[in-house]
Each structure stands twice: as C-alpha cells, then as structure tokens.
C-alpha cells in the first residue's frame, strides 16, 4: 500500500469518526449547485446528446465527454471554501495530526 493511499484512508476514517464526511459532502453539493456547476454539466450533457443523437449516445459516452469538463470547471470555480473559515470542530493541531497520520 502506498503512503498516499494510507494517508487518504486515515483522513477518510477520521472524517467518518468525527461525523464530518457527510457534512462536507452536503456542503460541496450545495456549493456546486449554488455556483451553477450542476446546470453547466446538465447543459453539456444535452449538447452531447444533440450532437450524437439520442439513439447513438450511451451513458459511457456521456461520462467520457462530461467528466473532464466537470472536473475542470469545478476546479476553476474554486467551489470549496476560498476565504471562508473552517467550521471543523477540531483544533489546528488535530487537523495537522490528521494529515500527518
């Protein structure tokens, strides 16, 4: 197991234990909707279907077309918390330990 994988697993486990994982997922969903990201991807899906024709497009085609755009637009919009204070109940030391472990 790689060190990166172990670190991600430890962070994920700690977030689950603290009950923060679900809260963070909901916050992310809300930010994506608020930013228009979801509507942009929906429109892109419709464009792909119009271009290829409903009979000639598969779910795999949509995933292949839309995934790179979705990841790129979410990064460009900086959806997650720029300039916002963290509401995580853990202290700064706990956050550092969480990442280091």
N, C-alpha and C. Protein backbone atom coordinates (compact mmCIF):
# COMPACT_ATOMS: atom_id res chain seq x y z
N UNK A 1 0.83 -1.18 0.00
CA UNK A 1 0.00 0.00 0.00
C UNK A 1 0.88 1.25 0.00
N UNK A 2 0.57 2.19 -0.88
CA UNK A 2 1.37 3.41 -0.96
C UNK A 2 1.10 4.32 0.23
N UNK A 3 2.04 5.19 0.49
CA UNK A 3 1.90 6.14 1.61
C UNK A 3 0.73 7.09 1.36
N UNK A 4 0.54 7.51 0.10
CA UNK A 4 -0.59 8.38 -0.26
C UNK A 4 -1.92 7.70 0.05
N UNK A 5 -2.03 6.45 -0.34
CA UNK A 5 -3.26 5.70 -0.10
C UNK A 5 -3.52 5.57 1.40
N UNK A 6 -2.48 5.27 2.16
CA UNK A 6 -2.63 5.13 3.60
C UNK A 6 -3.07 6.45 4.24
N UNK A 7 -2.50 7.56 3.77
CA UNK A 7 -2.86 8.86 4.31
C UNK A 7 -4.31 9.19 3.98
N UNK A 8 -4.72 8.95 2.74
CA UNK A 8 -6.11 9.21 2.34
C UNK A 8 -7.06 8.36 3.17
N UNK A 9 -6.71 7.11 3.37
CA UNK A 9 -7.57 6.21 4.15
C UNK A 9 -7.68 6.69 5.60
N UNK A 10 -6.56 7.15 6.17
CA UNK A 10 -6.57 7.63 7.55
C UNK A 10 -7.42 8.90 7.68
N UNK A 11 -7.30 9.80 6.72
CA UNK A 11 -8.09 11.03 6.73
C UNK A 11 -9.57 10.70 6.59
N UNK A 12 -9.88 9.83 5.66
CA UNK A 12 -11.27 9.44 5.44
C UNK A 12 -11.86 8.81 6.70
N UNK A 13 -11.11 7.92 7.33
CA UNK A 13 -11.57 7.26 8.55
C UNK A 13 -11.82 8.28 9.66
N UNK A 14 -10.91 9.22 9.81
CA UNK A 14 -11.04 10.25 10.86
C UNK A 14 -12.27 11.13 10.58
N UNK A 15 -12.49 11.49 9.33
CA UNK A 15 -13.67 12.29 8.97
C UNK A 15 -14.96 11.53 9.28
N UNK A 16 -14.97 10.24 9.01
CA UNK A 16 -16.14 9.43 9.31
C UNK A 16 -16.37 9.38 10.82
N UNK A 17 -15.31 9.12 11.57
CA UNK A 17 -15.41 9.04 13.03
C UNK A 17 -15.93 10.34 13.63
N UNK A 18 -15.51 11.46 13.06
CA UNK A 18 -15.91 12.77 13.58
C UNK A 18 -17.28 13.21 13.06
N UNK A 19 -17.81 12.47 12.10
CA UNK A 19 -19.09 12.83 11.52
C UNK A 19 -19.00 13.97 10.52
N UNK A 20 -17.81 14.30 10.10
CA UNK A 20 -17.60 15.43 9.20
C UNK A 20 -17.73 15.06 7.73
N UNK A 21 -17.53 13.79 7.39
CA UNK A 21 -17.53 13.41 5.98
C UNK A 21 -18.86 13.73 5.30
N UNK A 22 -19.95 13.33 5.90
CA UNK A 22 -21.27 13.59 5.30
C UNK A 22 -21.56 15.08 5.25
N UNK A 23 -21.20 15.80 6.31
CA UNK A 23 -21.44 17.24 6.33
C UNK A 23 -20.65 17.92 5.21
N UNK A 24 -19.41 17.51 4.99
CA UNK A 24 -18.59 18.08 3.93
C UNK A 24 -19.15 17.75 2.55
N UNK A 25 -19.66 16.53 2.38
CA UNK A 25 -20.27 16.15 1.10
C UNK A 25 -21.50 17.01 0.80
N UNK A 26 -22.32 17.24 1.81
CA UNK A 26 -23.50 18.08 1.62
C UNK A 26 -23.11 19.52 1.32
N UNK A 27 -22.10 20.03 2.00
CA UNK A 27 -21.62 21.39 1.75
C UNK A 27 -21.11 21.51 0.31
N UNK A 28 -20.37 20.53 -0.14
CA UNK A 28 -19.85 20.53 -1.51
C UNK A 28 -20.99 20.50 -2.53
N UNK A 29 -21.98 19.63 -2.29
CA UNK A 29 -23.13 19.57 -3.20
C UNK A 29 -23.82 20.93 -3.29
N UNK A 30 -24.04 21.55 -2.14
CA UNK A 30 -24.71 22.84 -2.12
C UNK A 30 -23.90 23.90 -2.86
N UNK A 31 -22.58 23.91 -2.68
CA UNK A 31 -21.72 24.89 -3.35
C UNK A 31 -21.72 24.66 -4.87
N UNK A 32 -21.73 23.40 -5.28
CA UNK A 32 -21.75 23.10 -6.72
C UNK A 32 -23.06 23.57 -7.35
N UNK A 33 -24.16 23.34 -6.67
CA UNK A 33 -25.46 23.80 -7.19
C UNK A 33 -25.49 25.32 -7.22
N UNK A 34 -25.07 25.94 -6.11
CA UNK A 34 -25.07 27.40 -5.99
C UNK A 34 -24.22 28.08 -7.07
N UNK A 35 -23.12 27.45 -7.43
CA UNK A 35 -22.21 28.05 -8.41
C UNK A 35 -22.68 27.86 -9.86
N UNK A 36 -23.70 27.03 -10.06
CA UNK A 36 -24.18 26.77 -11.41
C UNK A 36 -23.48 25.60 -12.09
N UNK A 37 -22.57 24.97 -11.39
CA UNK A 37 -21.79 23.86 -11.94
C UNK A 37 -22.69 22.73 -12.43
N UNK A 38 -23.66 22.36 -11.61
CA UNK A 38 -24.57 21.27 -11.97
C UNK A 38 -25.35 21.60 -13.24
N UNK A 39 -25.84 22.84 -13.35
CA UNK A 39 -26.58 23.25 -14.54
C UNK A 39 -25.69 23.26 -15.78
N UNK A 40 -24.43 23.67 -15.61
CA UNK A 40 -23.49 23.67 -16.74
C UNK A 40 -23.27 22.26 -17.27
N UNK A 41 -23.10 21.31 -16.36
CA UNK A 41 -22.88 19.93 -16.79
C UNK A 41 -24.13 19.33 -17.42
N UNK A 42 -25.28 19.68 -16.88
CA UNK A 42 -26.53 19.20 -17.47
C UNK A 42 -26.67 19.72 -18.90
N UNK A 43 -26.35 20.99 -19.11
CA UNK A 43 -26.41 21.58 -20.45
C UNK A 43 -25.41 20.91 -21.38
N UNK A 44 -24.23 20.61 -20.86
CA UNK A 44 -23.21 19.94 -21.68
C UNK A 44 -23.69 18.54 -22.08
N UNK A 45 -24.34 17.83 -21.16
CA UNK A 45 -24.90 16.51 -21.49
C UNK A 45 -25.92 16.63 -22.61
N UNK A 46 -26.78 17.63 -22.52
CA UNK A 46 -27.79 17.83 -23.56
C UNK A 46 -27.13 18.13 -24.90
N UNK A 47 -26.06 18.93 -24.89
CA UNK A 47 -25.34 19.24 -26.13
C UNK A 47 -24.75 17.97 -26.75
N UNK A 48 -24.14 17.14 -25.93
CA UNK A 48 -23.54 15.89 -26.43
C UNK A 48 -24.63 15.01 -27.04
N UNK A 49 -25.78 14.92 -26.38
CA UNK A 49 -26.88 14.10 -26.88
C UNK A 49 -27.40 14.66 -28.20
N UNK A 50 -27.51 15.99 -28.30
CA UNK A 50 -27.96 16.61 -29.56
C UNK A 50 -26.97 16.34 -30.69
N UNK A 51 -25.66 16.45 -30.39
CA UNK A 51 -24.64 16.24 -31.41
C UNK A 51 -24.63 14.80 -31.92
N UNK A 52 -24.69 13.85 -31.00
CA UNK A 52 -24.57 12.44 -31.39
C UNK A 52 -25.91 11.81 -31.73
N UNK A 53 -26.98 12.39 -31.25
CA UNK A 53 -28.31 11.81 -31.44
C UNK A 53 -28.63 10.85 -30.31
N UNK A 54 -29.83 10.94 -29.83
CA UNK A 54 -30.26 10.15 -28.67
C UNK A 54 -30.03 8.65 -28.87
N UNK A 55 -30.26 8.18 -30.09
CA UNK A 55 -30.12 6.76 -30.37
C UNK A 55 -28.66 6.30 -30.41
N UNK A 56 -27.73 7.26 -30.56
CA UNK A 56 -26.33 6.91 -30.76
C UNK A 56 -25.43 7.26 -29.57
N UNK A 57 -26.01 7.69 -28.47
CA UNK A 57 -25.19 8.05 -27.32
C UNK A 57 -25.48 7.07 -26.18
N UNK A 58 -24.42 6.69 -25.49
CA UNK A 58 -24.56 5.78 -24.35
C UNK A 58 -24.17 6.53 -23.07
N UNK A 59 -24.47 5.92 -21.96
CA UNK A 59 -24.06 6.51 -20.68
C UNK A 59 -22.55 6.64 -20.63
N UNK A 60 -21.84 5.64 -21.14
CA UNK A 60 -20.38 5.68 -21.17
C UNK A 60 -19.87 6.87 -21.99
N UNK A 61 -20.55 7.15 -23.13
CA UNK A 61 -20.18 8.31 -23.95
C UNK A 61 -20.31 9.59 -23.14
N UNK A 62 -21.43 9.72 -22.43
CA UNK A 62 -21.64 10.92 -21.62
C UNK A 62 -20.59 11.05 -20.53
N UNK A 63 -20.30 9.96 -19.86
CA UNK A 63 -19.29 10.00 -18.79
C UNK A 63 -17.94 10.41 -19.37
N UNK A 64 -17.57 9.83 -20.50
CA UNK A 64 -16.29 10.15 -21.14
C UNK A 64 -16.22 11.62 -21.54
N UNK A 65 -17.30 12.15 -22.07
CA UNK A 65 -17.34 13.55 -22.52
C UNK A 65 -17.41 14.54 -21.37
N UNK A 66 -18.21 14.24 -20.37
CA UNK A 66 -18.56 15.22 -19.35
C UNK A 66 -17.58 15.24 -18.18
N UNK A 67 -16.99 14.11 -17.83
CA UNK A 67 -16.12 14.04 -16.65
C UNK A 67 -14.97 15.04 -16.70
N UNK A 68 -14.19 15.11 -17.77
CA UNK A 68 -13.09 16.09 -17.78
C UNK A 68 -13.59 17.53 -17.63
N UNK A 69 -14.69 17.85 -18.29
CA UNK A 69 -15.24 19.20 -18.20
C UNK A 69 -15.72 19.48 -16.78
N UNK A 70 -16.38 18.52 -16.18
CA UNK A 70 -16.88 18.68 -14.82
C UNK A 70 -15.77 18.90 -13.82
N UNK A 71 -14.72 18.12 -13.93
CA UNK A 71 -13.59 18.27 -13.01
C UNK A 71 -12.89 19.61 -13.24
N UNK A 72 -12.74 19.99 -14.48
CA UNK A 72 -12.06 21.25 -14.79
C UNK A 72 -12.84 22.46 -14.35
N UNK A 73 -14.15 22.47 -14.57
CA UNK A 73 -14.94 23.63 -14.19
C UNK A 73 -15.07 23.75 -12.68
N UNK A 74 -15.14 22.63 -11.98
CA UNK A 74 -15.22 22.69 -10.51
C UNK A 74 -13.93 23.29 -9.95
N UNK A 75 -12.80 22.92 -10.52
CA UNK A 75 -11.52 23.47 -10.05
C UNK A 75 -11.43 24.97 -10.34
N UNK A 76 -11.82 25.37 -11.56
CA UNK A 76 -11.73 26.78 -11.93
C UNK A 76 -12.64 27.65 -11.08
N UNK A 77 -13.78 27.14 -10.71
CA UNK A 77 -14.71 27.93 -9.92
C UNK A 77 -14.32 27.96 -8.45
N UNK A 78 -13.34 27.17 -8.07
CA UNK A 78 -12.88 27.11 -6.69
C UNK A 78 -14.07 27.01 -5.75
N UNK A 79 -14.82 25.95 -5.93
CA UNK A 79 -16.08 25.77 -5.24
C UNK A 79 -15.89 25.65 -3.73
N UNK A 80 -14.83 25.05 -3.28
CA UNK A 80 -14.70 24.76 -1.85
C UNK A 80 -13.99 25.89 -1.12
N UNK A 81 -14.72 26.57 -0.30
CA UNK A 81 -14.32 27.46 0.77
C UNK A 81 -13.19 28.44 0.60
N UNK A 82 -13.02 29.10 -0.49
CA UNK A 82 -11.97 30.09 -0.55
C UNK A 82 -12.35 31.28 0.32
N UNK A 83 -11.47 31.61 1.24
CA UNK A 83 -11.70 32.75 2.10
C UNK A 83 -12.69 32.52 3.22
N UNK A 84 -13.17 31.30 3.36
CA UNK A 84 -14.12 31.02 4.42
C UNK A 84 -13.41 30.33 5.57
N UNK A 85 -13.89 30.60 6.79
CA UNK A 85 -13.34 29.93 7.95
C UNK A 85 -13.88 28.51 8.01
N UNK A 86 -13.04 27.60 8.45
CA UNK A 86 -13.46 26.22 8.59
C UNK A 86 -14.36 26.08 9.81
N UNK A 87 -15.40 25.30 9.66
CA UNK A 87 -16.27 25.05 10.80
C UNK A 87 -15.99 23.68 11.42
N UNK A 88 -14.86 23.11 11.06
CA UNK A 88 -14.46 21.83 11.63
C UNK A 88 -14.20 22.03 13.13
N UNK A 89 -14.79 21.17 13.98
CA UNK A 89 -14.65 21.36 15.41
C UNK A 89 -13.28 21.00 15.95
N UNK A 90 -12.41 20.43 15.14
CA UNK A 90 -11.11 20.03 15.65
C UNK A 90 -10.15 21.21 15.65
N UNK A 91 -9.16 21.13 16.52
CA UNK A 91 -8.18 22.20 16.63
C UNK A 91 -7.20 22.12 15.48
N UNK A 92 -6.40 23.18 15.34
CA UNK A 92 -5.39 23.21 14.28
C UNK A 92 -4.42 22.04 14.44
N UNK A 93 -4.02 21.75 15.67
CA UNK A 93 -3.10 20.64 15.93
C UNK A 93 -3.72 19.32 15.51
N UNK A 94 -5.02 19.13 15.82
CA UNK A 94 -5.68 17.89 15.41
C UNK A 94 -5.73 17.77 13.89
N UNK A 95 -5.96 18.88 13.20
CA UNK A 95 -6.01 18.88 11.74
C UNK A 95 -4.64 18.47 11.19
N UNK A 96 -3.58 19.03 11.75
CA UNK A 96 -2.22 18.68 11.30
C UNK A 96 -1.94 17.23 11.57
N UNK A 97 -2.28 16.74 12.76
CA UNK A 97 -2.08 15.33 13.09
C UNK A 97 -2.86 14.43 12.17
N UNK A 98 -4.06 14.85 11.83
CA UNK A 98 -4.91 14.08 10.94
C UNK A 98 -4.22 13.90 9.58
N UNK A 99 -3.62 14.94 9.07
CA UNK A 99 -2.95 14.88 7.78
C UNK A 99 -1.66 14.08 7.88
N UNK A 100 -0.91 14.24 8.96
CA UNK A 100 0.37 13.57 9.11
C UNK A 100 0.19 12.07 9.30
N UNK A 101 -0.82 11.68 10.06
CA UNK A 101 -1.03 10.26 10.32
C UNK A 101 -1.33 9.57 9.06
